[in-house]
Structures are given as structure tokens and as C-alpha cells.
């Protein structure tokens, strides 16, 4: 289990890992590509929090961020062996957008 500052942990990650099923599901359901989901980790602001409700077997996080084309995404992920494993990605809800945009200023 990872402890400490999640932003420091993310900075130490060496890449991304995708499950083929999740990649297909994110595209079919939300029209989000793996490349778009990965972009949010390199743009500011990036808001990350623990996803305590879904962390039974491994620690999960969710992130609010934006792509290079300013598409605002909600991404659920975990970290395995210093690699970010994206579980799901979708566009932010209106409530999530308001929260995210309050941190852009």
C-alpha cells in the first residue's frame, strides 16, 4: 500500500499500463482514448484523491484533470510497481467541472 503524498508518488511513476478490456470499455462507453486519459497527469491543475469506496483489494484514486485539448476528464486509477494503471476514464460531470474550475484560478 502506498503512503504519503500522492503527487510525489505519481512523480516517481515510470509510465502507464492498460487492460485491453478497460481500454475498449472507455472508448465504447465514453469515447475516451488511453492517450487522452494519460494526458491529464501532465497538465495542471491535477486534483487527486483517494477512492476509499473502491479500495477494498488495492488502493485506488480518482483524478480530475484536462487533456491537451482542454477536455476535462474524471479518471480512476491505481499504482502497481510504479506504473499508473488506468481503470476508467470519462468526461467530468457538471459538479466535478465546477470543483475543478475553482482550482484553475
PDB file of N, CA and C in Angstrom:
ATOM      1  N   UNK A   1       0.847  -1.183   0.000  1.00  0.00           N
ATOM      2  CA  UNK A   1       0.000   0.000   0.000  1.00  0.00           C
ATOM      3  C   UNK A   1       0.888   1.241   0.000  1.00  0.00           C
ATOM      4  N   UNK A   2       0.504   2.238  -0.805  1.00  0.00           N
ATOM      5  CA  UNK A   2       1.261   3.478  -0.903  1.00  0.00           C
ATOM      6  C   UNK A   2       0.823   4.420   0.201  1.00  0.00           C
ATOM      7  N   UNK A   3       1.783   5.033   0.829  1.00  0.00           N
ATOM      8  CA  UNK A   3       1.504   6.029   1.853  1.00  0.00           C
ATOM      9  C   UNK A   3       2.178   7.323   1.423  1.00  0.00           C
ATOM     10  N   UNK A   4       1.740   8.417   1.977  1.00  0.00           N
ATOM     11  CA  UNK A   4       2.399   9.683   1.702  1.00  0.00           C
ATOM     12  C   UNK A   4       1.699  10.484   0.616  1.00  0.00           C
ATOM     13  N   UNK A   5       2.407  11.468   0.134  1.00  0.00           N
ATOM     14  CA  UNK A   5       1.904  12.428  -0.822  1.00  0.00           C
ATOM     15  C   UNK A   5       1.685  11.776  -2.181  1.00  0.00           C
ATOM     16  N   UNK A   6       0.467  11.738  -2.639  1.00  0.00           N
ATOM     17  CA  UNK A   6       0.149  11.077  -3.905  1.00  0.00           C
ATOM     18  C   UNK A   6       0.839  11.774  -5.073  1.00  0.00           C
ATOM     19  N   UNK A   7       1.029  13.073  -5.001  1.00  0.00           N
ATOM     20  CA  UNK A   7       1.685  13.782  -6.096  1.00  0.00           C
ATOM     21  C   UNK A   7       3.153  13.381  -6.205  1.00  0.00           C
ATOM     22  N   UNK A   8       3.799  13.152  -5.090  1.00  0.00           N
ATOM     23  CA  UNK A   8       5.184  12.659  -5.101  1.00  0.00           C
ATOM     24  C   UNK A   8       5.221  11.239  -5.654  1.00  0.00           C
ATOM     25  N   UNK A   9       4.275  10.413  -5.258  1.00  0.00           N
ATOM     26  CA  UNK A   9       4.197   9.037  -5.760  1.00  0.00           C
ATOM     27  C   UNK A   9       3.997   9.044  -7.281  1.00  0.00           C
ATOM     28  N   UNK A  10       3.102   9.909  -7.770  1.00  0.00           N
ATOM     29  CA  UNK A  10       2.872   9.997  -9.210  1.00  0.00           C
ATOM     30  C   UNK A  10       4.129  10.430  -9.951  1.00  0.00           C
ATOM     31  N   UNK A  11       4.854  11.364  -9.364  1.00  0.00           N
ATOM     32  CA  UNK A  11       6.089  11.852  -9.983  1.00  0.00           C
ATOM     33  C   UNK A  11       7.121  10.732 -10.129  1.00  0.00           C
ATOM     34  N   UNK A  12       7.060   9.742  -9.263  1.00  0.00           N
ATOM     35  CA  UNK A  12       8.011   8.628  -9.296  1.00  0.00           C
ATOM     36  C   UNK A  12       7.577   7.506 -10.238  1.00  0.00           C
ATOM     37  N   UNK A  13       6.378   7.610 -10.789  1.00  0.00           N
ATOM     38  CA  UNK A  13       5.893   6.573 -11.708  1.00  0.00           C
ATOM     39  C   UNK A  13       6.628   6.662 -13.040  1.00  0.00           C
ATOM     40  N   UNK A  14       6.791   5.501 -13.669  1.00  0.00           N
ATOM     41  CA  UNK A  14       7.576   5.440 -14.905  1.00  0.00           C
ATOM     42  C   UNK A  14       6.743   5.267 -16.164  1.00  0.00           C
ATOM     43  N   UNK A  15       5.416   5.170 -16.038  1.00  0.00           N
ATOM     44  CA  UNK A  15       4.599   5.007 -17.227  1.00  0.00           C
ATOM     45  C   UNK A  15       3.189   4.587 -16.896  1.00  0.00           C
ATOM     46  N   UNK A  16       2.528   4.040 -17.921  1.00  0.00           N
ATOM     47  CA  UNK A  16       1.126   3.651 -17.808  1.00  0.00           C
ATOM     48  C   UNK A  16       0.959   2.206 -18.234  1.00  0.00           C
ATOM     49  N   UNK A  17      -0.094   1.602 -17.692  1.00  0.00           N
ATOM     50  CA  UNK A  17      -0.453   0.242 -18.057  1.00  0.00           C
ATOM     51  C   UNK A  17      -1.957   0.227 -18.284  1.00  0.00           C
ATOM     52  N   UNK A  18      -2.370  -0.498 -19.334  1.00  0.00           N
ATOM     53  CA  UNK A  18      -3.788  -0.572 -19.672  1.00  0.00           C
ATOM     54  C   UNK A  18      -4.231  -2.011 -19.820  1.00  0.00           C
ATOM     55  N   UNK A  19      -5.383  -2.299 -19.289  1.00  0.00           N
ATOM     56  CA  UNK A  19      -6.055  -3.569 -19.514  1.00  0.00           C
ATOM     57  C   UNK A  19      -6.850  -3.417 -20.810  1.00  0.00           C
ATOM     58  N   UNK A  20      -6.737  -4.373 -21.726  1.00  0.00           N
ATOM     59  CA  UNK A  20      -7.428  -4.266 -23.023  1.00  0.00           C
ATOM     60  C   UNK A  20      -8.934  -4.081 -22.858  1.00  0.00           C
ATOM     61  N   UNK A  21      -9.509  -4.764 -21.885  1.00  0.00           N
ATOM     62  CA  UNK A  21     -10.952  -4.637 -21.637  1.00  0.00           C
ATOM     63  C   UNK A  21     -11.302  -3.200 -21.242  1.00  0.00           C
ATOM     64  N   UNK A  22     -10.522  -2.609 -20.329  1.00  0.00           N
ATOM     65  CA  UNK A  22     -10.798  -1.240 -19.889  1.00  0.00           C
ATOM     66  C   UNK A  22     -10.601  -0.241 -21.025  1.00  0.00           C
ATOM     67  N   UNK A  23      -9.602  -0.472 -21.859  1.00  0.00           N
ATOM     68  CA  UNK A  23      -9.369   0.417 -22.995  1.00  0.00           C
ATOM     69  C   UNK A  23     -10.590   0.425 -23.906  1.00  0.00           C
ATOM     70  N   UNK A  24     -11.078  -0.743 -24.241  1.00  0.00           N
ATOM     71  CA  UNK A  24     -12.247  -0.862 -25.109  1.00  0.00           C
ATOM     72  C   UNK A  24     -13.484  -0.262 -24.442  1.00  0.00           C
ATOM     73  N   UNK A  25     -13.684  -0.573 -23.165  1.00  0.00           N
ATOM     74  CA  UNK A  25     -14.854  -0.075 -22.428  1.00  0.00           C
ATOM     75  C   UNK A  25     -14.856   1.457 -22.373  1.00  0.00           C
ATOM     76  N   UNK A  26     -13.703   2.059 -22.085  1.00  0.00           N
ATOM     77  CA  UNK A  26     -13.634   3.519 -22.017  1.00  0.00           C
ATOM     78  C   UNK A  26     -13.949   4.156 -23.364  1.00  0.00           C
ATOM     79  N   UNK A  27     -13.534   3.518 -24.458  1.00  0.00           N
ATOM     80  CA  UNK A  27     -13.838   4.064 -25.775  1.00  0.00           C
ATOM     81  C   UNK A  27     -15.316   3.873 -26.117  1.00  0.00           C
ATOM     82  N   UNK A  28     -15.810   2.658 -25.943  1.00  0.00           N
ATOM     83  CA  UNK A  28     -17.198   2.370 -26.329  1.00  0.00           C
ATOM     84  C   UNK A  28     -18.210   3.154 -25.504  1.00  0.00           C
ATOM     85  N   UNK A  29     -17.959   3.279 -24.234  1.00  0.00           N
ATOM     86  CA  UNK A  29     -18.924   3.916 -23.339  1.00  0.00           C
ATOM     87  C   UNK A  29     -18.753   5.437 -23.255  1.00  0.00           C
ATOM     88  N   UNK A  30     -17.482   5.912 -23.279  1.00  0.00           N
ATOM     89  CA  UNK A  30     -17.228   7.334 -23.004  1.00  0.00           C
ATOM     90  C   UNK A  30     -16.475   8.072 -24.110  1.00  0.00           C
ATOM     91  N   UNK A  31     -16.019   7.345 -25.152  1.00  0.00           N
ATOM     92  CA  UNK A  31     -15.251   7.939 -26.254  1.00  0.00           C
ATOM     93  C   UNK A  31     -13.975   8.635 -25.753  1.00  0.00           C
ATOM     94  N   UNK A  32     -13.306   7.977 -24.795  1.00  0.00           N
ATOM     95  CA  UNK A  32     -12.040   8.471 -24.251  1.00  0.00           C
ATOM     96  C   UNK A  32     -10.946   7.493 -24.644  1.00  0.00           C
ATOM     97  N   UNK A  33      -9.886   7.993 -25.259  1.00  0.00           N
ATOM     98  CA  UNK A  33      -8.757   7.140 -25.645  1.00  0.00           C
ATOM     99  C   UNK A  33      -7.760   7.035 -24.492  1.00  0.00           C
ATOM    100  N   UNK A  34      -6.932   5.995 -24.477  1.00  0.00           N
ATOM    101  CA  UNK A  34      -5.889   5.903 -23.457  1.00  0.00           C
ATOM    102  C   UNK A  34      -4.977   7.141 -23.461  1.00  0.00           C
ATOM    103  N   UNK A  35      -4.636   7.611 -24.648  1.00  0.00           N
ATOM    104  CA  UNK A  35      -3.763   8.774 -24.767  1.00  0.00           C
ATOM    105  C   UNK A  35      -4.366   9.995 -24.077  1.00  0.00           C
ATOM    106  N   UNK A  36      -5.673  10.215 -24.244  1.00  0.00           N
ATOM    107  CA  UNK A  36      -6.331  11.346 -23.582  1.00  0.00           C
ATOM    108  C   UNK A  36      -6.288  11.188 -22.061  1.00  0.00           C
ATOM    109  N   UNK A  37      -6.601   9.989 -21.582  1.00  0.00           N
ATOM    110  CA  UNK A  37      -6.604   9.761 -20.130  1.00  0.00           C
ATOM    111  C   UNK A  37      -5.213   9.991 -19.542  1.00  0.00           C
ATOM    112  N   UNK A  38      -4.170   9.588 -20.243  1.00  0.00           N
ATOM    113  CA  UNK A  38      -2.799   9.775 -19.760  1.00  0.00           C
ATOM    114  C   UNK A  38      -2.409  11.246 -19.714  1.00  0.00           C
ATOM    115  N   UNK A  39      -2.912  12.040 -20.652  1.00  0.00           N
ATOM    116  CA  UNK A  39      -2.542  13.459 -20.731  1.00  0.00           C
ATOM    117  C   UNK A  39      -2.858  14.229 -19.458  1.00  0.00           C
ATOM    118  N   UNK A  40      -3.926  13.863 -18.764  1.00  0.00           N
ATOM    119  CA  UNK A  40      -4.311  14.664 -17.595  1.00  0.00           C
ATOM    120  C   UNK A  40      -3.231  14.665 -16.522  1.00  0.00           C
ATOM    121  N   UNK A  41      -2.402  13.626 -16.489  1.00  0.00           N
ATOM    122  CA  UNK A  41      -1.361  13.543 -15.464  1.00  0.00           C
ATOM    123  C   UNK A  41      -0.216  14.519 -15.716  1.00  0.00           C
ATOM    124  N   UNK A  42      -0.198  15.140 -16.885  1.00  0.00           N
ATOM    125  CA  UNK A  42       0.869  16.073 -17.248  1.00  0.00           C
ATOM    126  C   UNK A  42       0.394  17.513 -17.348  1.00  0.00           C
ATOM    127  N   UNK A  43      -0.893  17.761 -17.114  1.00  0.00           N
ATOM    128  CA  UNK A  43      -1.450  19.110 -17.200  1.00  0.00           C
ATOM    129  C   UNK A  43      -1.929  19.570 -15.832  1.00  0.00           C
ATOM    130  N   UNK A  44      -1.945  20.881 -15.657  1.00  0.00           N
ATOM    131  CA  UNK A  44      -2.358  21.480 -14.387  1.00  0.00           C
ATOM    132  C   UNK A  44      -3.671  22.227 -14.568  1.00  0.00           C
ATOM    133  N   UNK A  45      -4.486  22.305 -13.533  1.00  0.00           N
ATOM    134  CA  UNK A  45      -4.312  21.583 -12.279  1.00  0.00           C
ATOM    135  C   UNK A  45      -4.692  20.104 -12.424  1.00  0.00           C
ATOM    136  N   UNK A  46      -4.117  19.316 -11.560  1.00  0.00           N
ATOM    137  CA  UNK A  46      -4.466  17.898 -11.440  1.00  0.00           C
ATOM    138  C   UNK A  46      -4.907  17.697 -10.001  1.00  0.00           C
ATOM    139  N   UNK A  47      -6.137  17.282  -9.826  1.00  0.00           N
ATOM    140  CA  UNK A  47      -6.688  17.065  -8.488  1.00  0.00           C
ATOM    141  C   UNK A  47      -6.819  15.562  -8.292  1.00  0.00           C
ATOM    142  N   UNK A  48      -6.173  15.036  -7.252  1.00  0.00           N
ATOM    143  CA  UNK A  48      -6.182  13.594  -6.991  1.00  0.00           C
ATOM    144  C   UNK A  48      -6.664  13.354  -5.567  1.00  0.00           C
ATOM    145  N   UNK A  49      -7.491  12.335  -5.411  1.00  0.00           N
ATOM    146  CA  UNK A  49      -7.981  11.955  -4.084  1.00  0.00           C
ATOM    147  C   UNK A  49      -8.098  10.444  -4.000  1.00  0.00           C
ATOM    148  N   UNK A  50      -8.097   9.943  -2.773  1.00  0.00           N
ATOM    149  CA  UNK A  50      -8.313   8.511  -2.550  1.00  0.00           C
ATOM    150  C   UNK A  50      -9.735   8.142  -2.907  1.00  0.00           C
ATOM    151  N   UNK A  51      -9.904   6.999  -3.545  1.00  0.00           N
ATOM    152  CA  UNK A  51     -11.220   6.444  -3.835  1.00  0.00           C
ATOM    153  C   UNK A  51     -11.464   5.353  -2.797  1.00  0.00           C
ATOM    154  N   UNK A  52     -11.751   5.784  -1.577  1.00  0.00           N
ATOM    155  CA  UNK A  52     -11.869   4.859  -0.451  1.00  0.00           C
ATOM    156  C   UNK A  52     -12.979   3.838  -0.648  1.00  0.00           C
ATOM    157  N   UNK A  53     -14.048   4.224  -1.315  1.00  0.00           N
ATOM    158  CA  UNK A  53     -15.185   3.329  -1.513  1.00  0.00           C
ATOM    159  C   UNK A  53     -14.813   2.106  -2.353  1.00  0.00           C
ATOM    160  N   UNK A  54     -13.855   2.262  -3.271  1.00  0.00           N
ATOM    161  CA  UNK A  54     -13.494   1.173  -4.177  1.00  0.00           C
ATOM    162  C   UNK A  54     -12.083   0.645  -3.920  1.00  0.00           C
ATOM    163  N   UNK A  55     -11.557   0.830  -2.734  1.00  0.00           N
ATOM    164  CA  UNK A  55     -10.185   0.423  -2.422  1.00  0.00           C
ATOM    165  C   UNK A  55     -10.119  -0.830  -1.561  1.00  0.00           C
ATOM    166  N   UNK A  56     -11.020  -1.771  -1.777  1.00  0.00           N
ATOM    167  CA  UNK A  56     -11.029  -2.967  -0.937  1.00  0.00           C
ATOM    168  C   UNK A  56      -9.812  -3.857  -1.182  1.00  0.00           C
ATOM    169  N   UNK A  57      -9.486  -4.155  -2.441  1.00  0.00           N
ATOM    170  CA  UNK A  57      -8.387  -5.076  -2.736  1.00  0.00           C
ATOM    171  C   UNK A  57      -7.078  -4.365  -3.022  1.00  0.00           C
ATOM    172  N   UNK A  58      -7.134  -3.134  -3.506  1.00  0.00           N
ATOM    173  CA  UNK A  58      -5.936  -2.324  -3.725  1.00  0.00           C
ATOM    174  C   UNK A  58      -6.329  -0.863  -3.614  1.00  0.00           C
ATOM    175  N   UNK A  59      -5.360  -0.021  -3.301  1.00  0.00           N
ATOM    176  CA  UNK A  59      -5.648   1.396  -3.147  1.00  0.00           C
ATOM    177  C   UNK A  59      -5.941   2.010  -4.512  1.00  0.00           C
ATOM    178  N   UNK A  60      -7.094   2.674  -4.609  1.00  0.00           N
ATOM    179  CA  UNK A  60      -7.492   3.353  -5.838  1.00  0.00           C
ATOM    180  C   UNK A  60      -7.597   4.847  -5.591  1.00  0.00           C
ATOM    181  N   UNK A  61      -7.433   5.571  -6.669  1.00  0.00           N
ATOM    182  CA  UNK A  61      -7.511   7.024  -6.641  1.00  0.00           C
ATOM    183  C   UNK A  61      -8.421   7.482  -7.757  1.00  0.00           C
ATOM    184  N   UNK A  62      -8.903   8.703  -7.625  1.00  0.00           N
ATOM    185  CA  UNK A  62      -9.550   9.327  -8.761  1.00  0.00           C
ATOM    186  C   UNK A  62      -8.896  10.675  -8.993  1.00  0.00           C
ATOM    187  N   UNK A  63      -8.917  11.097 -10.238  1.00  0.00           N
ATOM    188  CA  UNK A  63      -8.281  12.356 -10.612  1.00  0.00           C
ATOM    189  C   UNK A  63      -9.213  13.174 -11.480  1.00  0.00           C
ATOM    190  N   UNK A  64      -9.147  14.478 -11.277  1.00  0.00           N
ATOM    191  CA  UNK A  64      -9.808  15.430 -12.160  1.00  0.00           C
ATOM    192  C   UNK A  64      -8.690  16.165 -12.878  1.00  0.00           C
ATOM    193  N   UNK A  65      -8.758  16.175 -14.208  1.00  0.00           N
ATOM    194  CA  UNK A  65      -7.715  16.848 -14.975  1.00  0.00           C
ATOM    195  C   UNK A  65      -8.182  17.161 -16.375  1.00  0.00           C
ATOM    196  N   UNK A  66      -7.289  17.750 -17.163  1.00  0.00           N
ATOM    197  CA  UNK A  66      -7.657  18.138 -18.516  1.00  0.00           C
ATOM    198  C   UNK A  66      -6.652  17.611 -19.527  1.00  0.00           C
ATOM    199  N   UNK A  67      -7.143  17.342 -20.725  1.00  0.00           N
ATOM    200  CA  UNK A  67      -6.281  16.879 -21.807  1.00  0.00           C
ATOM    201  C   UNK A  67      -5.595  18.089 -22.445  1.00  0.00           C
ATOM    202  N   UNK A  68      -4.727  17.810 -23.394  1.00  0.00           N
ATOM    203  CA  UNK A  68      -4.053  18.888 -24.114  1.00  0.00           C
ATOM    204  C   UNK A  68      -5.040  19.758 -24.883  1.00  0.00           C
ATOM    205  N   UNK A  69      -6.185  19.184 -25.259  1.00  0.00           N
ATOM    206  CA  UNK A  69      -7.225  19.939 -25.966  1.00  0.00           C
ATOM    207  C   UNK A  69      -8.301  20.458 -25.012  1.00  0.00           C
ATOM    208  N   UNK A  70      -7.984  20.462 -23.714  1.00  0.00           N
ATOM    209  CA  UNK A  70      -8.835  21.010 -22.654  1.00  0.00           C
ATOM    210  C   UNK A  70     -10.125  20.221 -22.422  1.00  0.00           C
ATOM    211  N   UNK A  71     -10.134  18.945 -22.776  1.00  0.00           N
ATOM    212  CA  UNK A  71     -11.260  18.078 -22.427  1.00  0.00           C
ATOM    213  C   UNK A  71     -11.084  17.718 -20.956  1.00  0.00           C
ATOM    214  N   UNK A  72     -12.089  17.981 -20.151  1.00  0.00           N
ATOM    215  CA  UNK A  72     -11.990  17.749 -18.704  1.00  0.00           C
ATOM    216  C   UNK A  72     -12.452  16.335 -18.382  1.00  0.00           C
ATOM    217  N   UNK A  73     -11.546  15.555 -17.747  1.00  0.00           N
ATOM    218  CA  UNK A  73     -11.808  14.138 -17.504  1.00  0.00           C
ATOM    219  C   UNK A  73     -11.768  13.779 -16.031  1.00  0.00           C
ATOM    220  N   UNK A  74     -12.517  12.739 -15.706  1.00  0.00           N
ATOM    221  CA  UNK A  74     -12.511  12.076 -14.398  1.00  0.00           C
ATOM    222  C   UNK A  74     -11.886  10.703 -14.650  1.00  0.00           C
ATOM    223  N   UNK A  75     -10.772  10.412 -13.984  1.00  0.00           N
ATOM    224  CA  UNK A  75     -10.029   9.173 -14.223  1.00  0.00           C
ATOM    225  C   UNK A  75      -9.854   8.425 -12.911  1.00  0.00           C
ATOM    226  N   UNK A  76     -10.190   7.144 -12.913  1.00  0.00           N
ATOM    227  CA  UNK A  76      -9.947   6.274 -11.761  1.00  0.00           C
ATOM    228  C   UNK A  76      -8.718   5.440 -12.092  1.00  0.00           C
ATOM    229  N   UNK A  77      -7.795   5.335 -11.127  1.00  0.00           N
ATOM    230  CA  UNK A  77      -6.559   4.603 -11.381  1.00  0.00           C
ATOM    231  C   UNK A  77      -6.001   4.000 -10.107  1.00  0.00           C
ATOM    232  N   UNK A  78      -5.050   3.112 -10.294  1.00  0.00           N
ATOM    233  CA  UNK A  78      -4.281   2.562  -9.190  1.00  0.00           C
ATOM    234  C   UNK A  78      -2.817   2.631  -9.598  1.00  0.00           C
ATOM    235  N   UNK A  79      -1.934   2.328  -8.678  1.00  0.00           N
ATOM    236  CA  UNK A  79      -0.499   2.317  -8.978  1.00  0.00           C
ATOM    237  C   UNK A  79       0.029   0.943  -8.622  1.00  0.00           C
ATOM    238  N   UNK A  80       0.674   0.310  -9.597  1.00  0.00           N
ATOM    239  CA  UNK A  80       1.280  -1.000  -9.395  1.00  0.00           C
ATOM    240  C   UNK A  80       2.729  -0.937  -9.859  1.00  0.00           C
ATOM    241  N   UNK A  81       3.646  -1.213  -8.945  1.00  0.00           N
ATOM    242  CA  UNK A  81       5.072  -1.236  -9.293  1.00  0.00           C
ATOM    243  C   UNK A  81       5.505   0.037 -10.011  1.00  0.00           C
ATOM    244  N   UNK A  82       5.110   1.177  -9.474  1.00  0.00           N
ATOM    245  CA  UNK A  82       5.463   2.498 -10.010  1.00  0.00           C
ATOM    246  C   UNK A  82       4.952   2.728 -11.430  1.00  0.00           C
ATOM    247  N   UNK A  83       3.833   2.101 -11.756  1.00  0.00           N
ATOM    248  CA  UNK A  83       3.175   2.302 -13.042  1.00  0.00           C
ATOM    249  C   UNK A  83       1.710   2.665 -12.768  1.00  0.00           C
ATOM    250  N   UNK A  84       1.224   3.687 -13.465  1.00  0.00           N
ATOM    251  CA  UNK A  84      -0.165   4.108 -13.322  1.00  0.00           C
ATOM    252  C   UNK A  84      -1.036   3.184 -14.176  1.00  0.00           C
ATOM    253  N   UNK A  85      -1.989   2.551 -13.542  1.00  0.00           N
ATOM    254  CA  UNK A  85      -2.912   1.658 -14.256  1.00  0.00           C
ATOM    255  C   UNK A  85      -4.287   2.315 -14.237  1.00  0.00           C
ATOM    256  N   UNK A  86      -4.699   2.802 -15.397  1.00  0.00           N
ATOM    257  CA  UNK A  86      -5.991   3.476 -15.507  1.00  0.00           C
ATOM    258  C   UNK A  86      -7.092   2.423 -15.528  1.00  0.00           C
ATOM    259  N   UNK A  87      -8.079   2.613 -14.672  1.00  0.00           N
ATOM    260  CA  UNK A  87      -9.204   1.689 -14.565  1.00  0.00           C
ATOM    261  C   UNK A  87     -10.376   2.187 -15.396  1.00  0.00           C
ATOM    262  N   UNK A  88     -10.680   3.465 -15.275  1.00  0.00           N
ATOM    263  CA  UNK A  88     -11.757   4.033 -16.082  1.00  0.00           C
ATOM    264  C   UNK A  88     -11.515   5.520 -16.300  1.00  0.00           C
ATOM    265  N   UNK A  89     -12.116   6.020 -17.377  1.00  0.00           N
ATOM    266  CA  UNK A  89     -11.999   7.438 -17.711  1.00  0.00           C
ATOM    267  C   UNK A  89     -13.288   7.878 -18.386  1.00  0.00           C
ATOM    268  N   UNK A  90     -13.740   9.059 -18.009  1.00  0.00           N
ATOM    269  CA  UNK A  90     -14.952   9.632 -18.593  1.00  0.00           C
ATOM    270  C   UNK A  90     -14.858  11.148 -18.495  1.00  0.00           C
ATOM    271  N   UNK A  91     -15.758  11.838 -19.196  1.00  0.00           N
ATOM    272  CA  UNK A  91     -15.825  13.292 -19.066  1.00  0.00           C
ATOM    273  C   UNK A  91     -16.334  13.631 -17.669  1.00  0.00           C
ATOM    274  N   UNK A  92     -15.889  14.763 -17.146  1.00  0.00           N
ATOM    275  CA  UNK A  92     -16.345  15.209 -15.824  1.00  0.00           C
ATOM    276  C   UNK A  92     -17.832  15.539 -15.850  1.00  0.00           C
ATOM    277  N   UNK A  93     -18.480  15.294 -14.721  1.00  0.00           N
ATOM    278  CA  UNK A  93     -19.861  15.748 -14.541  1.00  0.00           C
ATOM    279  C   UNK A  93     -19.827  17.267 -14.336  1.00  0.00           C
ATOM    280  N   UNK A  94     -20.971  17.898 -14.393  1.00  0.00           N
ATOM    281  CA  UNK A  94     -21.035  19.352 -14.183  1.00  0.00           C
ATOM    282  C   UNK A  94     -20.525  19.730 -12.784  1.00  0.00           C
ATOM    283  N   UNK A  95     -20.881  18.946 -11.787  1.00  0.00           N
ATOM    284  CA  UNK A  95     -20.421  19.217 -10.420  1.00  0.00           C
ATOM    285  C   UNK A  95     -18.897  19.089 -10.337  1.00  0.00           C
ATOM    286  N   UNK A  96     -18.341  18.060 -10.969  1.00  0.00           N
ATOM    287  CA  UNK A  96     -16.889  17.867 -10.976  1.00  0.00           C
ATOM    288  C   UNK A  96     -16.192  19.014 -11.711  1.00  0.00           C
ATOM    289  N   UNK A  97     -16.798  19.487 -12.806  1.00  0.00           N
ATOM    290  CA  UNK A  97     -16.230  20.614 -13.549  1.00  0.00           C
ATOM    291  C   UNK A  97     -16.153  21.860 -12.680  1.00  0.00           C
ATOM    292  N   UNK A  98     -17.221  22.132 -11.942  1.00  0.00           N
ATOM    293  CA  UNK A  98     -17.230  23.316 -11.066  1.00  0.00           C
ATOM    294  C   UNK A  98     -16.123  23.218 -10.020  1.00  0.00           C
ATOM    295  N   UNK A  99     -15.968  22.045  -9.431  1.00  0.00           N
ATOM    296  CA  UNK A  99     -14.919  21.835  -8.442  1.00  0.00           C
ATOM    297  C   UNK A  99     -13.536  22.018  -9.072  1.00  0.00           C
ATOM    298  N   UNK A 100     -13.346  21.430 -10.237  1.00  0.00           N
ATOM    299  CA  UNK A 100     -12.064  21.525 -10.937  1.00  0.00           C
ATOM    300  C   UNK A 100     -11.762  22.969 -11.326  1.00  0.00           C
ATOM    301  N   UNK A 101     -12.742  23.640 -11.906  1.00  0.00           N
ATOM    302  CA  UNK A 101     -12.533  25.010 -12.373  1.00  0.00           C
ATOM    303  C   UNK A 101     -12.255  25.974 -11.228  1.00  0.00           C
ATOM    304  N   UNK A 102     -12.734  25.673 -10.030  1.00  0.00           N
ATOM    305  CA  UNK A 102     -12.418  26.537  -8.890  1.00  0.00           C
ATOM    306  C   UNK A 102     -10.942  26.437  -8.518  1.00  0.00           C
ATOM    307  N   UNK A 103     -10.262  25.386  -8.962  1.00  0.00           N
ATOM    308  CA  UNK A 103      -8.826  25.233  -8.697  1.00  0.00           C
ATOM    309  C   UNK A 103      -7.962  25.756  -9.846  1.00  0.00           C
ATOM    310  N   UNK A 104      -8.592  26.126 -10.961  1.00  0.00           N
ATOM    311  CA  UNK A 104      -7.842  26.649 -12.104  1.00  0.00           C
ATOM    312  C   UNK A 104      -7.421  28.090 -11.890  1.00  0.00           C
ATOM    313  N   UNK A 105      -8.110  28.777 -11.013  1.00  0.00           N
ATOM    314  CA  UNK A 105      -7.883  30.222 -10.847  1.00  0.00           C
ATOM    315  C   UNK A 105      -6.747  30.522  -9.925  1.00  0.00           C
TER     316      UNK A 105
END
